[in-house]
Amino acid sequence: MGRHDLPIPPENPGRATFLRWAGAAAVYAALPTTMRAAEAGRSMSRRPIGSKGETLPVIGCGTYRTFDIGDADRSEHIAVVRSLVDAGGSVIDSSPMYGSAERVAGDVLAASGLRDRVFVATKVWTRGREQGIAQMEASMRALQVSRVDLMQIHNLVDWRTHLKTLREWKATGRIRYLGITHYTPGAHDDLIAVMREAQIDAVQLNYAADDRAAEQRLLSFAADRGVAVIVNQPFGGGGLLRRLTGKPLPGFAAELQCENWAQLLLKFVLAHPAVTCAIPGTSNVRHMRSNAQAGYGPPVDRAMAQRIAEAVEKTA
């Protein structure tokens, strides 16, 4: 058995923490051996963020809704994060807007011992300098971290005020990167305006096979500015993945080593060279393992991406 076959137990755990870890270990161990060893000898694709040569794995995990579980058992979530990390991924994205998601993510990182292997991203979502500082400090406590890898201004709320704080925090090492986010096509011009005015490390945006507005200007603008792109709705909106699930895959899916529509939709997103990382949200360890597989295999060019989009439109 390899050293990553099971989640790593925390040191000196309390009873509640131990039970959460034990449950996660059981969930993880139940995965077929072929799935747990699928990435042996391979590396997930990585793309640049920032100007210092750092790269991020192309598949991460969002926490909207999926990690908002209050005080419920964390076993499956620990297994999800372990699966992401074992597959070569690292980005976990959250927000104070997501209910208990930050707190759950913090508990998961603490119980699993994975903090040093995870790229933690969250957001500020309020108005006013002092309110922003208070919210970000609360997020750090919830996440149980002393430094956030990427702090983002959620939906551009009071972005000029928060940008000043984020620059200060980056200079003092409280955050490593700063960014902006939105999730609707109607905000794309605003995202471009901010990137034109301010130096940003990352922009988080909506992009999918059925939501291609970002291709018009936003993706190329971010690439020209050297801004990393994190895609927050890679499975589209309006239940696209649910409509596709169970429908026959196009014949060319095998060429891309895709076994399901989720992987094909992620391949579409990653086909755009401006995209750094996609963060589909899940609380299901098997789905996380499947999503991560989209970060492997042959690259997808724009012509193939168009074929994927056409297949989605025909099938959904």
Protein backbone atom coordinates (compact mmCIF):
# COMPACT_ATOMS: atom_id res chain seq x y z
CA MET A 1 0.00 0.00 0.00
CA GLY A 2 1.42 3.42 -0.98
CA ARG A 3 1.77 6.15 1.59
CA HIS A 4 -1.13 8.15 0.06
CA ASP A 5 -3.58 5.26 -0.20
CA LEU A 6 -5.43 6.53 2.88
CA PRO A 7 -5.91 9.99 4.40
CA ILE A 8 -3.13 10.91 6.82
CA PRO A 9 -4.35 10.87 10.45
CA PRO A 10 -3.91 14.12 12.42
CA GLU A 11 -1.48 14.20 15.32
CA ASN A 12 -3.03 13.83 18.79
CA PRO A 13 -6.63 14.11 17.60
CA GLY A 14 -9.57 14.66 19.92
CA ARG A 15 -12.39 12.15 19.76
CA ALA A 16 -14.51 14.20 17.33
CA THR A 17 -11.57 14.85 15.04
CA PHE A 18 -10.52 11.20 15.14
CA LEU A 19 -13.99 10.03 14.24
CA ARG A 20 -14.11 12.44 11.32
CA TRP A 21 -10.73 11.19 10.10
CA ALA A 22 -11.70 7.56 10.53
CA GLY A 23 -14.86 8.11 8.52
CA ALA A 24 -12.89 9.82 5.78
CA ALA A 25 -10.41 6.97 5.71
CA ALA A 26 -13.23 4.48 5.29
CA VAL A 27 -14.75 6.46 2.43
CA TYR A 28 -11.40 6.83 0.71
CA ALA A 29 -10.42 3.20 1.16
CA ALA A 30 -13.70 2.13 -0.41
CA LEU A 31 -12.63 3.64 -3.73
CA PRO A 32 -11.55 1.04 -6.30
CA THR A 33 -7.81 0.51 -6.29
CA THR A 34 -7.65 1.43 -9.97
CA MET A 35 -9.17 4.83 -9.20
CA ARG A 36 -6.85 5.52 -6.27
CA ALA A 37 -3.82 4.62 -8.35
CA ALA A 38 -4.98 6.17 -11.61
CA GLU A 39 -2.53 9.06 -11.44
CA ALA A 40 0.54 6.98 -10.57
CA GLY A 41 3.52 8.19 -12.56
CA ARG A 42 1.59 11.13 -14.05
CA SER A 43 1.20 14.78 -13.14
CA MET A 44 -1.85 17.00 -13.45
CA SER A 45 -1.38 19.86 -15.91
CA ARG A 46 -0.38 23.17 -14.34
CA ARG A 47 -0.58 26.78 -15.52
CA PRO A 48 1.00 30.03 -14.29
CA ILE A 49 -0.23 32.42 -11.65
CA GLY A 50 1.61 35.63 -10.82
CA SER A 51 4.99 36.74 -12.09
CA LYS A 52 7.27 34.59 -9.93
CA GLY A 53 7.00 31.37 -11.88
CA GLU A 54 4.43 29.65 -9.63
CA THR A 55 1.90 27.39 -11.31
CA LEU A 56 -1.45 25.97 -10.23
CA PRO A 57 -2.99 22.60 -11.08
CA VAL A 58 -5.77 23.04 -13.61
CA ILE A 59 -8.49 21.37 -11.50
CA GLY A 60 -9.50 22.58 -8.03
CA CYS A 61 -12.60 22.42 -5.87
CA GLY A 62 -15.22 25.06 -5.12
CA THR A 63 -17.18 25.08 -1.87
CA TYR A 64 -20.37 26.99 -2.76
CA ARG A 65 -23.29 24.97 -1.32
CA THR A 66 -21.27 21.75 -1.27
CA PHE A 67 -19.32 22.66 1.91
CA ASP A 68 -22.15 24.59 3.59
CA ILE A 69 -23.09 21.74 5.93
CA GLY A 70 -23.00 23.41 9.35
CA ASP A 71 -21.96 20.97 12.07
CA ALA A 72 -22.66 17.81 10.06
CA ASP A 73 -20.06 15.07 9.72
CA ARG A 74 -17.03 16.08 7.65
CA SER A 75 -15.90 12.59 6.59
CA GLU A 76 -16.85 12.86 2.94
CA HIS A 77 -15.37 16.36 2.67
CA ILE A 78 -12.05 15.21 4.10
CA ALA A 79 -12.02 12.41 1.54
CA VAL A 80 -12.86 14.92 -1.23
CA VAL A 81 -9.89 17.13 -0.37
CA ARG A 82 -7.60 14.12 0.01
CA SER A 83 -8.68 12.90 -3.42
CA LEU A 84 -8.02 16.31 -4.95
CA VAL A 85 -4.53 16.49 -3.45
CA ASP A 86 -3.64 12.89 -4.32
CA ALA A 87 -4.71 13.59 -7.92
CA GLY A 88 -2.30 16.52 -8.08
CA GLY A 89 -4.79 19.34 -7.44
CA SER A 90 -4.53 21.98 -4.74
CA VAL A 91 -6.98 24.90 -5.13
CA ILE A 92 -9.83 25.11 -2.61
CA ASP A 93 -12.00 28.18 -3.13
CA SER A 94 -14.49 29.58 -0.61
CA SER A 95 -16.17 32.78 0.59
CA PRO A 96 -17.90 34.21 3.67
CA MET A 97 -20.96 34.34 1.41
CA TYR A 98 -21.10 30.53 1.41
CA GLY A 99 -22.61 29.98 4.85
CA SER A 100 -20.50 27.56 6.89
CA ALA A 101 -18.24 26.59 3.96
CA GLU A 102 -15.13 28.39 5.24
CA ARG A 103 -15.47 26.82 8.68
CA VAL A 104 -16.01 23.38 7.19
CA ALA A 105 -13.01 23.81 4.90
CA GLY A 106 -10.91 24.89 7.88
CA ASP A 107 -11.97 21.83 9.88
CA VAL A 108 -11.18 19.60 6.90
CA LEU A 109 -7.70 21.06 6.44
CA ALA A 110 -6.97 20.75 10.16
CA ALA A 111 -8.26 17.18 10.44
CA SER A 112 -6.52 15.97 7.30
CA GLY A 113 -3.16 17.67 7.83
CA LEU A 114 -3.26 18.95 4.25
CA ARG A 115 -2.90 22.70 4.79
CA ASP A 116 0.62 22.82 3.36
CA ARG A 117 -0.52 21.03 0.21
CA VAL A 118 -3.61 23.13 -0.49
CA PHE A 119 -3.83 26.51 -2.20
CA VAL A 120 -6.46 28.33 -0.11
CA ALA A 121 -8.56 30.97 -1.87
CA THR A 122 -11.39 32.97 -0.33
CA LYS A 123 -13.04 36.35 -0.70
CA VAL A 124 -14.06 39.61 0.94
CA TRP A 125 -17.73 40.45 0.49
CA THR A 126 -18.74 43.59 2.36
CA ARG A 127 -18.39 47.36 2.22
CA GLY A 128 -15.97 49.62 4.07
CA ARG A 129 -12.31 49.24 5.00
CA GLU A 130 -12.79 48.22 8.63
CA GLN A 131 -15.66 45.89 7.80
CA GLY A 132 -13.53 44.31 5.08
CA ILE A 133 -10.60 43.79 7.43
CA ALA A 134 -12.87 42.30 10.08
CA GLN A 135 -14.46 39.93 7.57
CA MET A 136 -11.13 38.76 6.15
CA GLU A 137 -9.74 38.15 9.63
CA ALA A 138 -12.87 36.16 10.46
CA SER A 139 -12.34 34.12 7.29
CA MET A 140 -8.77 33.35 8.30
CA ARG A 141 -9.95 32.18 11.71
CA ALA A 142 -12.63 30.01 10.12
CA LEU A 143 -10.13 28.54 7.68
CA GLN A 144 -7.60 28.12 10.50
CA VAL A 145 -4.81 29.76 8.50
CA SER A 146 -2.42 32.63 9.21
CA ARG A 147 -2.06 33.44 5.52
CA VAL A 148 -4.42 33.13 2.55
CA ASP A 149 -2.94 32.16 -0.79
CA LEU A 150 -5.49 34.15 -2.82
CA MET A 151 -7.86 36.77 -1.42
CA GLN A 152 -10.47 37.96 -3.91
CA ILE A 153 -12.94 40.83 -3.95
CA HIS A 154 -16.26 39.02 -4.29
CA ASN A 155 -18.48 40.32 -7.10
CA LEU A 156 -16.43 43.55 -7.11
CA VAL A 157 -18.19 44.81 -3.97
CA ASP A 158 -16.44 48.07 -2.90
CA TRP A 159 -13.40 46.94 -4.83
CA ARG A 160 -11.40 50.17 -4.66
CA THR A 161 -11.57 50.18 -0.87
CA HIS A 162 -10.61 46.53 -0.49
CA LEU A 163 -7.90 46.69 -3.15
CA LYS A 164 -5.93 49.12 -0.99
CA THR A 165 -6.13 46.74 1.96
CA LEU A 166 -5.20 43.73 -0.16
CA ARG A 167 -2.13 45.50 -1.49
CA GLU A 168 -1.05 46.22 2.07
CA TRP A 169 -1.71 42.64 3.13
CA LYS A 170 0.21 41.27 0.16
CA ALA A 171 3.18 43.49 0.97
CA THR A 172 3.24 42.21 4.56
CA GLY A 173 2.69 38.57 3.63
CA ARG A 174 -0.83 38.09 4.99
CA ILE A 175 -1.95 37.09 1.50
CA ARG A 176 0.11 35.84 -1.43
CA TYR A 177 -2.11 36.91 -4.34
CA LEU A 178 -5.08 39.23 -4.83
CA GLY A 179 -7.95 38.96 -7.24
CA ILE A 180 -11.47 39.91 -8.26
CA THR A 181 -14.53 37.77 -9.04
CA HIS A 182 -17.93 37.72 -10.65
CA TYR A 183 -20.28 35.09 -11.99
CA THR A 184 -22.46 36.76 -14.66
CA PRO A 185 -21.75 37.82 -18.26
CA GLY A 186 -23.20 41.22 -17.47
CA ALA A 187 -20.23 41.96 -15.22
CA HIS A 188 -17.52 41.12 -17.75
CA ASP A 189 -17.01 44.73 -18.83
CA ASP A 190 -16.63 45.70 -15.17
CA LEU A 191 -13.99 43.02 -14.65
CA ILE A 192 -12.10 44.33 -17.67
CA ALA A 193 -12.35 47.91 -16.37
CA VAL A 194 -10.84 46.89 -13.02
CA MET A 195 -8.01 44.97 -14.69
CA ARG A 196 -7.32 47.98 -16.90
CA GLU A 197 -7.09 50.27 -13.88
CA ALA A 198 -5.44 48.06 -11.27
CA GLN A 199 -2.77 45.36 -11.08
CA ILE A 200 -4.55 42.09 -10.31
CA ASP A 201 -3.09 38.61 -9.94
CA ALA A 202 -6.25 36.61 -10.70
CA VAL A 203 -9.77 37.01 -12.00
CA GLN A 204 -12.52 34.49 -11.25
CA LEU A 205 -15.32 34.31 -13.78
CA ASN A 206 -18.07 32.22 -15.36
CA TYR A 207 -17.23 30.21 -18.46
CA ALA A 208 -18.66 26.97 -19.84
CA ALA A 209 -19.63 25.21 -23.05
CA ASP A 210 -23.08 26.83 -22.82
CA ASP A 211 -21.80 30.15 -21.43
CA ARG A 212 -19.15 31.47 -23.80
CA ALA A 213 -19.47 35.23 -23.35
CA ALA A 214 -16.03 35.38 -21.75
CA GLU A 215 -14.51 34.43 -25.11
CA GLN A 216 -15.57 37.74 -26.63
CA ARG A 217 -13.07 39.92 -24.75
CA LEU A 218 -12.54 38.95 -21.14
CA LEU A 219 -10.34 35.87 -21.48
CA SER A 220 -7.99 37.41 -24.01
CA PHE A 221 -7.80 40.64 -21.99
CA ALA A 222 -6.80 38.71 -18.87
CA ALA A 223 -4.18 36.76 -20.83
CA ASP A 224 -2.71 39.96 -22.28
CA ARG A 225 -2.42 41.38 -18.76
CA GLY A 226 -0.84 38.23 -17.36
CA VAL A 227 -3.81 37.70 -15.04
CA ALA A 228 -4.60 34.14 -13.98
CA VAL A 229 -8.16 32.98 -14.75
CA ILE A 230 -10.14 30.80 -12.35
CA VAL A 231 -13.41 29.46 -13.77
CA ASN A 232 -16.19 29.19 -11.21
CA GLN A 233 -19.03 27.65 -13.24
CA PRO A 234 -17.38 25.16 -15.58
CA PHE A 235 -20.51 23.00 -15.72
CA GLY A 236 -22.63 25.92 -16.90
CA GLY A 237 -25.86 27.12 -15.45
CA GLY A 238 -29.46 26.01 -15.50
CA GLY A 239 -28.71 22.38 -14.75
CA LEU A 240 -26.61 21.71 -17.85
CA LEU A 241 -24.72 18.77 -16.35
CA ARG A 242 -27.95 17.20 -15.04
CA ARG A 243 -29.47 17.41 -18.52
CA LEU A 244 -26.42 15.75 -20.05
CA THR A 245 -25.95 13.01 -17.46
CA GLY A 246 -27.00 9.67 -18.88
CA LYS A 247 -26.96 10.91 -22.47
CA PRO A 248 -24.52 9.23 -24.90
CA LEU A 249 -21.09 10.84 -25.17
CA PRO A 250 -19.87 11.94 -28.60
CA GLY A 251 -17.53 9.44 -30.24
CA PHE A 252 -14.52 11.73 -29.93
CA ALA A 253 -14.74 11.69 -26.11
CA ALA A 254 -12.60 8.55 -26.10
CA GLU A 255 -9.82 10.45 -27.91
CA LEU A 256 -9.77 12.88 -24.99
CA GLN A 257 -9.83 10.09 -22.39
CA CYS A 258 -13.19 11.37 -21.12
CA GLU A 259 -15.54 8.89 -19.50
CA ASN A 260 -18.42 11.26 -18.72
CA TRP A 261 -19.90 14.65 -19.56
CA ALA A 262 -18.37 16.34 -16.53
CA GLN A 263 -14.88 15.54 -17.77
CA LEU A 264 -15.79 16.69 -21.29
CA LEU A 265 -17.16 20.01 -19.99
CA LEU A 266 -13.98 20.56 -18.00
CA LYS A 267 -11.88 19.74 -21.07
CA PHE A 268 -13.80 22.44 -22.95
CA VAL A 269 -12.96 25.05 -20.31
CA LEU A 270 -9.30 24.04 -20.13
CA ALA A 271 -9.00 24.20 -23.92
CA HIS A 272 -8.82 27.97 -23.68
CA PRO A 273 -5.17 28.95 -23.10
CA ALA A 274 -6.15 31.87 -20.85
CA VAL A 275 -7.74 29.56 -18.27
CA THR A 276 -5.53 28.71 -15.30
CA CYS A 277 -7.82 26.55 -13.16
CA ALA A 278 -11.42 25.34 -13.03
CA ILE A 279 -13.08 24.87 -9.64
CA PRO A 280 -16.18 22.68 -9.93
CA GLY A 281 -17.79 22.32 -6.53
CA THR A 282 -18.48 18.91 -5.05
CA SER A 283 -18.92 17.12 -1.75
CA ASN A 284 -18.77 13.69 -3.40
CA VAL A 285 -15.40 11.96 -3.39
CA ARG A 286 -16.12 9.99 -6.56
CA HIS A 287 -17.10 13.14 -8.41
CA MET A 288 -13.91 14.83 -7.20
CA ARG A 289 -11.83 11.93 -8.44
CA SER A 290 -13.62 12.01 -11.79
CA ASN A 291 -13.26 15.80 -12.12
CA ALA A 292 -9.54 15.59 -11.42
CA GLN A 293 -9.09 13.22 -14.35
CA ALA A 294 -9.89 16.11 -16.70
CA GLY A 295 -6.52 17.57 -15.70
CA TYR A 296 -4.77 14.64 -17.37
CA GLY A 297 -4.62 13.33 -20.89
CA PRO A 298 -3.99 15.04 -24.21
CA PRO A 299 -4.44 18.80 -24.51
CA VAL A 300 -7.55 20.07 -26.25
CA ASP A 301 -7.22 22.66 -29.00
CA ARG A 302 -9.80 25.28 -29.91
CA ALA A 303 -11.14 23.24 -32.83
CA MET A 304 -11.88 20.34 -30.50
CA ALA A 305 -13.39 22.74 -27.98
CA GLN A 306 -15.83 23.85 -30.68
CA ARG A 307 -16.75 20.23 -31.32
CA ILE A 308 -17.44 19.77 -27.61
CA ALA A 309 -19.65 22.87 -27.52
CA GLU A 310 -21.60 21.68 -30.56
CA ALA A 311 -22.08 18.24 -29.01
CA VAL A 312 -23.33 19.84 -25.79
CA GLU A 313 -25.79 22.04 -27.68
CA LYS A 314 -27.08 19.07 -29.68
CA THR A 315 -27.44 16.78 -26.66
CA ALA A 316 -28.57 18.98 -23.74
